[in-house]
Amino acid sequence: MSPPVFIFVGHSGSGKTMLIEKLLRELSSRGLRVATIKHAHHKVALDTSGKDSWRYKQAGAVMSMLVTSDELQLVADAVDRREPEQLAQRFLGEADLVLAEGFSHAAGDKIEVLRCECSATPRCVVEDGLIAVVTDVEEVYPQLPHFALDDINGIIRFLLDRLTG
């Protein structure tokens, strides 16, 4: 069984990675096993110190995946189960939830990070699967839940309510 996935979208520089790092630290401290998936539109050196997927692992992700147009990188804690069935079980069902970054055009529940200093225009619309907005722009999508850029506990309550509701 696959864990639930929440996709964080937003313009470059809006703070998606920083937000996910904070969520990872808090969710991990509560005993949840959280995996990350990062989408990159460009070719990147994989698992480089200081880069997003490396930062996610440092923040407490049990697994971190980076997907580019022609490559995929999965970074996980040391693997002691090496048989195909064991690997499939581990990498598809071990996490309690997945926080994905990017994937604006993918199907799924999306939370947009919208910072007015980057752009006041959202990347996604409600019909794209948008379920909430983390923002300092008040007038965008008033029908959706809004969270301040630093409201980590509020965002976590929202995510956990979605998991159990």
C-alpha atoms as a PDB file:
ATOM      1  CA  MET A   1       0.000   0.000   0.000  1.00  0.00           C
ATOM      2  CA  SER A   2       1.345   3.427  -0.962  1.00  0.00           C
ATOM      3  CA  PRO A   3       1.603   6.206   1.619  1.00  0.00           C
ATOM      4  CA  PRO A   4      -0.400   9.430   1.120  1.00  0.00           C
ATOM      5  CA  VAL A   5       1.358  12.131  -0.900  1.00  0.00           C
ATOM      6  CA  PHE A   6       1.171  15.912  -0.483  1.00  0.00           C
ATOM      7  CA  ILE A   7       2.684  17.965  -3.315  1.00  0.00           C
ATOM      8  CA  PHE A   8       4.172  21.372  -2.489  1.00  0.00           C
ATOM      9  CA  VAL A   9       4.225  23.713  -5.470  1.00  0.00           C
ATOM     10  CA  GLY A  10       5.230  27.320  -5.981  1.00  0.00           C
ATOM     11  CA  HIS A  11       7.479  29.680  -7.856  1.00  0.00           C
ATOM     12  CA  SER A  12      11.257  29.352  -7.630  1.00  0.00           C
ATOM     13  CA  GLY A  13      12.496  31.004  -4.441  1.00  0.00           C
ATOM     14  CA  SER A  14       9.102  30.903  -2.705  1.00  0.00           C
ATOM     15  CA  GLY A  15      10.426  28.768   0.151  1.00  0.00           C
ATOM     16  CA  LYS A  16       9.141  25.289  -0.738  1.00  0.00           C
ATOM     17  CA  THR A  17      12.327  23.472   0.273  1.00  0.00           C
ATOM     18  CA  MET A  18      12.707  25.418   3.514  1.00  0.00           C
ATOM     19  CA  LEU A  19       9.070  24.731   4.417  1.00  0.00           C
ATOM     20  CA  ILE A  20       9.419  21.008   3.690  1.00  0.00           C
ATOM     21  CA  GLU A  21      12.596  20.873   5.810  1.00  0.00           C
ATOM     22  CA  LYS A  22      10.722  22.405   8.758  1.00  0.00           C
ATOM     23  CA  LEU A  23       7.778  20.041   8.267  1.00  0.00           C
ATOM     24  CA  LEU A  24      10.172  17.072   8.080  1.00  0.00           C
ATOM     25  CA  ARG A  25      11.870  17.989  11.331  1.00  0.00           C
ATOM     26  CA  GLU A  26       8.566  18.387  13.178  1.00  0.00           C
ATOM     27  CA  LEU A  27       6.835  15.333  11.667  1.00  0.00           C
ATOM     28  CA  SER A  28       9.926  13.185  12.303  1.00  0.00           C
ATOM     29  CA  SER A  29      10.123  14.384  15.904  1.00  0.00           C
ATOM     30  CA  ARG A  30       6.534  13.145  16.316  1.00  0.00           C
ATOM     31  CA  GLY A  31       7.590   9.662  15.240  1.00  0.00           C
ATOM     32  CA  LEU A  32       6.287   9.769  11.662  1.00  0.00           C
ATOM     33  CA  ARG A  33       8.352   8.275   8.866  1.00  0.00           C
ATOM     34  CA  VAL A  34       8.292  10.829   6.080  1.00  0.00           C
ATOM     35  CA  ALA A  35       9.744  10.390   2.599  1.00  0.00           C
ATOM     36  CA  THR A  36      10.373  13.160   0.086  1.00  0.00           C
ATOM     37  CA  ILE A  37      10.277  13.326  -3.686  1.00  0.00           C
ATOM     38  CA  LYS A  38      11.792  16.317  -5.471  1.00  0.00           C
ATOM     39  CA  HIS A  39      11.173  17.126  -9.116  1.00  0.00           C
ATOM     40  CA  ALA A  40      13.901  18.972 -11.010  1.00  0.00           C
ATOM     41  CA  HIS A  41      13.403  20.420 -14.489  1.00  0.00           C
ATOM     42  CA  HIS A  42      17.124  20.525 -15.169  1.00  0.00           C
ATOM     43  CA  LYS A  43      20.091  18.161 -15.032  1.00  0.00           C
ATOM     44  CA  VAL A  44      21.640  18.064 -11.557  1.00  0.00           C
ATOM     45  CA  ALA A  45      24.527  16.412  -9.755  1.00  0.00           C
ATOM     46  CA  LEU A  46      22.797  13.826  -7.578  1.00  0.00           C
ATOM     47  CA  ASP A  47      23.115  13.787  -3.768  1.00  0.00           C
ATOM     48  CA  THR A  48      25.532  16.687  -3.565  1.00  0.00           C
ATOM     49  CA  SER A  49      26.202  18.133  -0.127  1.00  0.00           C
ATOM     50  CA  GLY A  50      23.998  21.181   0.410  1.00  0.00           C
ATOM     51  CA  LYS A  51      21.507  20.350  -2.375  1.00  0.00           C
ATOM     52  CA  ASP A  52      17.784  19.854  -1.679  1.00  0.00           C
ATOM     53  CA  SER A  53      17.652  16.034  -1.600  1.00  0.00           C
ATOM     54  CA  TRP A  54      20.755  15.960   0.643  1.00  0.00           C
ATOM     55  CA  ARG A  55      19.160  18.632   2.872  1.00  0.00           C
ATOM     56  CA  TYR A  56      15.965  16.569   3.175  1.00  0.00           C
ATOM     57  CA  LYS A  57      17.969  13.563   4.421  1.00  0.00           C
ATOM     58  CA  GLN A  58      19.829  15.779   6.894  1.00  0.00           C
ATOM     59  CA  ALA A  59      16.446  17.109   8.119  1.00  0.00           C
ATOM     60  CA  GLY A  60      15.209  13.596   8.926  1.00  0.00           C
ATOM     61  CA  ALA A  61      13.629  12.087   5.807  1.00  0.00           C
ATOM     62  CA  VAL A  62      13.860   8.280   5.900  1.00  0.00           C
ATOM     63  CA  MET A  63      13.977   8.404   2.111  1.00  0.00           C
ATOM     64  CA  SER A  64      14.471  11.161  -0.420  1.00  0.00           C
ATOM     65  CA  MET A  65      13.839  10.872  -4.149  1.00  0.00           C
ATOM     66  CA  LEU A  66      14.860  13.272  -6.908  1.00  0.00           C
ATOM     67  CA  VAL A  67      13.270  12.908 -10.330  1.00  0.00           C
ATOM     68  CA  THR A  68      14.562  14.672 -13.437  1.00  0.00           C
ATOM     69  CA  SER A  69      13.490  14.274 -17.047  1.00  0.00           C
ATOM     70  CA  ASP A  70      15.810  11.304 -17.579  1.00  0.00           C
ATOM     71  CA  GLU A  71      17.122  10.222 -14.160  1.00  0.00           C
ATOM     72  CA  LEU A  72      15.878   9.170 -10.760  1.00  0.00           C
ATOM     73  CA  GLN A  73      17.797   9.207  -7.495  1.00  0.00           C
ATOM     74  CA  LEU A  74      16.646   7.584  -4.293  1.00  0.00           C
ATOM     75  CA  VAL A  75      18.621   8.213  -1.130  1.00  0.00           C
ATOM     76  CA  ALA A  76      17.646   6.068   1.835  1.00  0.00           C
ATOM     77  CA  ASP A  77      19.112   4.904   5.108  1.00  0.00           C
ATOM     78  CA  ALA A  78      21.417   1.856   4.825  1.00  0.00           C
ATOM     79  CA  VAL A  79      19.632  -1.080   3.203  1.00  0.00           C
ATOM     80  CA  ASP A  80      19.877  -4.418   4.960  1.00  0.00           C
ATOM     81  CA  ARG A  81      17.024  -6.006   2.983  1.00  0.00           C
ATOM     82  CA  ARG A  82      18.269  -6.610  -0.549  1.00  0.00           C
ATOM     83  CA  GLU A  83      15.820  -9.062  -2.150  1.00  0.00           C
ATOM     84  CA  PRO A  84      13.449  -7.577  -4.767  1.00  0.00           C
ATOM     85  CA  GLU A  85      10.323  -8.293  -2.717  1.00  0.00           C
ATOM     86  CA  GLN A  86      11.907  -6.787   0.383  1.00  0.00           C
ATOM     87  CA  LEU A  87      13.064  -3.720  -1.549  1.00  0.00           C
ATOM     88  CA  ALA A  88       9.618  -3.222  -3.093  1.00  0.00           C
ATOM     89  CA  GLN A  89       7.999  -3.468   0.325  1.00  0.00           C
ATOM     90  CA  ARG A  90      10.489  -1.064   1.846  1.00  0.00           C
ATOM     91  CA  PHE A  91      10.468   1.631  -0.787  1.00  0.00           C
ATOM     92  CA  LEU A  92       6.763   1.635  -1.597  1.00  0.00           C
ATOM     93  CA  GLY A  93       5.195   1.277   1.803  1.00  0.00           C
ATOM     94  CA  GLU A  94       7.535   2.120   4.644  1.00  0.00           C
ATOM     95  CA  ALA A  95       6.827   5.838   4.876  1.00  0.00           C
ATOM     96  CA  ASP A  96       3.792   7.156   6.732  1.00  0.00           C
ATOM     97  CA  LEU A  97       3.475   9.991   4.246  1.00  0.00           C
ATOM     98  CA  VAL A  98       5.333  11.612   1.371  1.00  0.00           C
ATOM     99  CA  LEU A  99       6.077  15.301   0.878  1.00  0.00           C
ATOM    100  CA  ALA A 100       6.773  16.042  -2.771  1.00  0.00           C
ATOM    101  CA  GLU A 101       8.182  19.274  -4.180  1.00  0.00           C
ATOM    102  CA  GLY A 102       7.427  20.522  -7.656  1.00  0.00           C
ATOM    103  CA  PHE A 103       5.264  18.347  -9.904  1.00  0.00           C
ATOM    104  CA  SER A 104       2.911  21.289 -10.597  1.00  0.00           C
ATOM    105  CA  HIS A 105       1.295  19.380 -13.461  1.00  0.00           C
ATOM    106  CA  ALA A 106       0.936  16.047 -11.646  1.00  0.00           C
ATOM    107  CA  ALA A 107      -2.361  14.787 -10.276  1.00  0.00           C
ATOM    108  CA  GLY A 108      -2.699  14.867  -6.510  1.00  0.00           C
ATOM    109  CA  ASP A 109      -3.263  17.024  -3.459  1.00  0.00           C
ATOM    110  CA  LYS A 110      -1.256  20.235  -3.798  1.00  0.00           C
ATOM    111  CA  ILE A 111      -0.319  22.926  -1.316  1.00  0.00           C
ATOM    112  CA  GLU A 112       0.968  26.111  -2.915  1.00  0.00           C
ATOM    113  CA  VAL A 113       3.701  28.164  -1.284  1.00  0.00           C
ATOM    114  CA  LEU A 114       3.066  31.708  -2.480  1.00  0.00           C
ATOM    115  CA  ARG A 115       5.316  34.520  -1.248  1.00  0.00           C
ATOM    116  CA  CYS A 116       4.471  38.009  -2.513  1.00  0.00           C
ATOM    117  CA  GLU A 117       8.151  38.912  -2.964  1.00  0.00           C
ATOM    118  CA  CYS A 118       8.436  36.097  -5.581  1.00  0.00           C
ATOM    119  CA  SER A 119       5.028  36.415  -7.245  1.00  0.00           C
ATOM    120  CA  ALA A 120       1.477  37.175  -6.161  1.00  0.00           C
ATOM    121  CA  THR A 121       0.171  34.926  -8.947  1.00  0.00           C
ATOM    122  CA  PRO A 122      -0.261  31.243  -8.022  1.00  0.00           C
ATOM    123  CA  ARG A 123       1.188  28.464 -10.208  1.00  0.00           C
ATOM    124  CA  CYS A 124      -1.842  26.208  -9.705  1.00  0.00           C
ATOM    125  CA  VAL A 125      -5.608  26.533  -9.603  1.00  0.00           C
ATOM    126  CA  VAL A 126      -8.096  24.652  -7.442  1.00  0.00           C
ATOM    127  CA  GLU A 127      -8.904  22.350 -10.376  1.00  0.00           C
ATOM    128  CA  ASP A 128      -5.237  21.221 -10.375  1.00  0.00           C
ATOM    129  CA  GLY A 129      -5.804  19.620  -6.969  1.00  0.00           C
ATOM    130  CA  LEU A 130      -4.940  22.638  -4.831  1.00  0.00           C
ATOM    131  CA  ILE A 131      -6.112  22.000  -1.250  1.00  0.00           C
ATOM    132  CA  ALA A 132      -4.393  24.810   0.697  1.00  0.00           C
ATOM    133  CA  VAL A 133      -2.141  27.833   0.386  1.00  0.00           C
ATOM    134  CA  VAL A 134       0.878  28.767   2.500  1.00  0.00           C
ATOM    135  CA  THR A 135       1.184  32.469   1.819  1.00  0.00           C
ATOM    136  CA  ASP A 136       1.489  36.103   2.727  1.00  0.00           C
ATOM    137  CA  VAL A 137      -1.001  36.966  -0.073  1.00  0.00           C
ATOM    138  CA  GLU A 138      -4.472  37.118   1.495  1.00  0.00           C
ATOM    139  CA  GLU A 139      -6.702  37.620  -1.523  1.00  0.00           C
ATOM    140  CA  VAL A 140      -5.750  34.426  -3.400  1.00  0.00           C
ATOM    141  CA  TYR A 141      -8.188  31.467  -3.266  1.00  0.00           C
ATOM    142  CA  PRO A 142     -10.262  32.585  -0.266  1.00  0.00           C
ATOM    143  CA  GLN A 143     -12.219  29.292  -0.411  1.00  0.00           C
ATOM    144  CA  LEU A 144      -9.099  27.310   0.577  1.00  0.00           C
ATOM    145  CA  PRO A 145      -7.381  27.063   3.949  1.00  0.00           C
ATOM    146  CA  HIS A 146      -4.593  29.648   4.286  1.00  0.00           C
ATOM    147  CA  PHE A 147      -1.504  29.265   6.461  1.00  0.00           C
ATOM    148  CA  ALA A 148       1.152  31.816   7.314  1.00  0.00           C
ATOM    149  CA  LEU A 149       4.602  31.035   5.921  1.00  0.00           C
ATOM    150  CA  ASP A 150       5.819  30.163   9.434  1.00  0.00           C
ATOM    151  CA  ASP A 151       2.719  28.277  10.680  1.00  0.00           C
ATOM    152  CA  ILE A 152       4.385  24.853  10.791  1.00  0.00           C
ATOM    153  CA  ASN A 153       2.059  23.488  13.491  1.00  0.00           C
ATOM    154  CA  GLY A 154      -1.055  24.631  11.608  1.00  0.00           C
ATOM    155  CA  ILE A 155       0.150  23.025   8.383  1.00  0.00           C
ATOM    156  CA  ILE A 156       0.959  19.787  10.224  1.00  0.00           C
ATOM    157  CA  ARG A 157      -2.503  19.734  11.858  1.00  0.00           C
ATOM    158  CA  PHE A 158      -4.028  20.196   8.387  1.00  0.00           C
ATOM    159  CA  LEU A 159      -1.934  17.362   6.895  1.00  0.00           C
ATOM    160  CA  LEU A 160      -2.665  14.970   9.777  1.00  0.00           C
ATOM    161  CA  ASP A 161      -6.396  15.793   9.647  1.00  0.00           C
ATOM    162  CA  ARG A 162      -6.353  14.918   5.925  1.00  0.00           C
ATOM    163  CA  LEU A 163      -4.688  11.583   6.736  1.00  0.00           C
ATOM    164  CA  THR A 164      -7.263  10.613   9.330  1.00  0.00           C
ATOM    165  CA  GLY A 165     -10.335  12.307   7.879  1.00  0.00           C
END
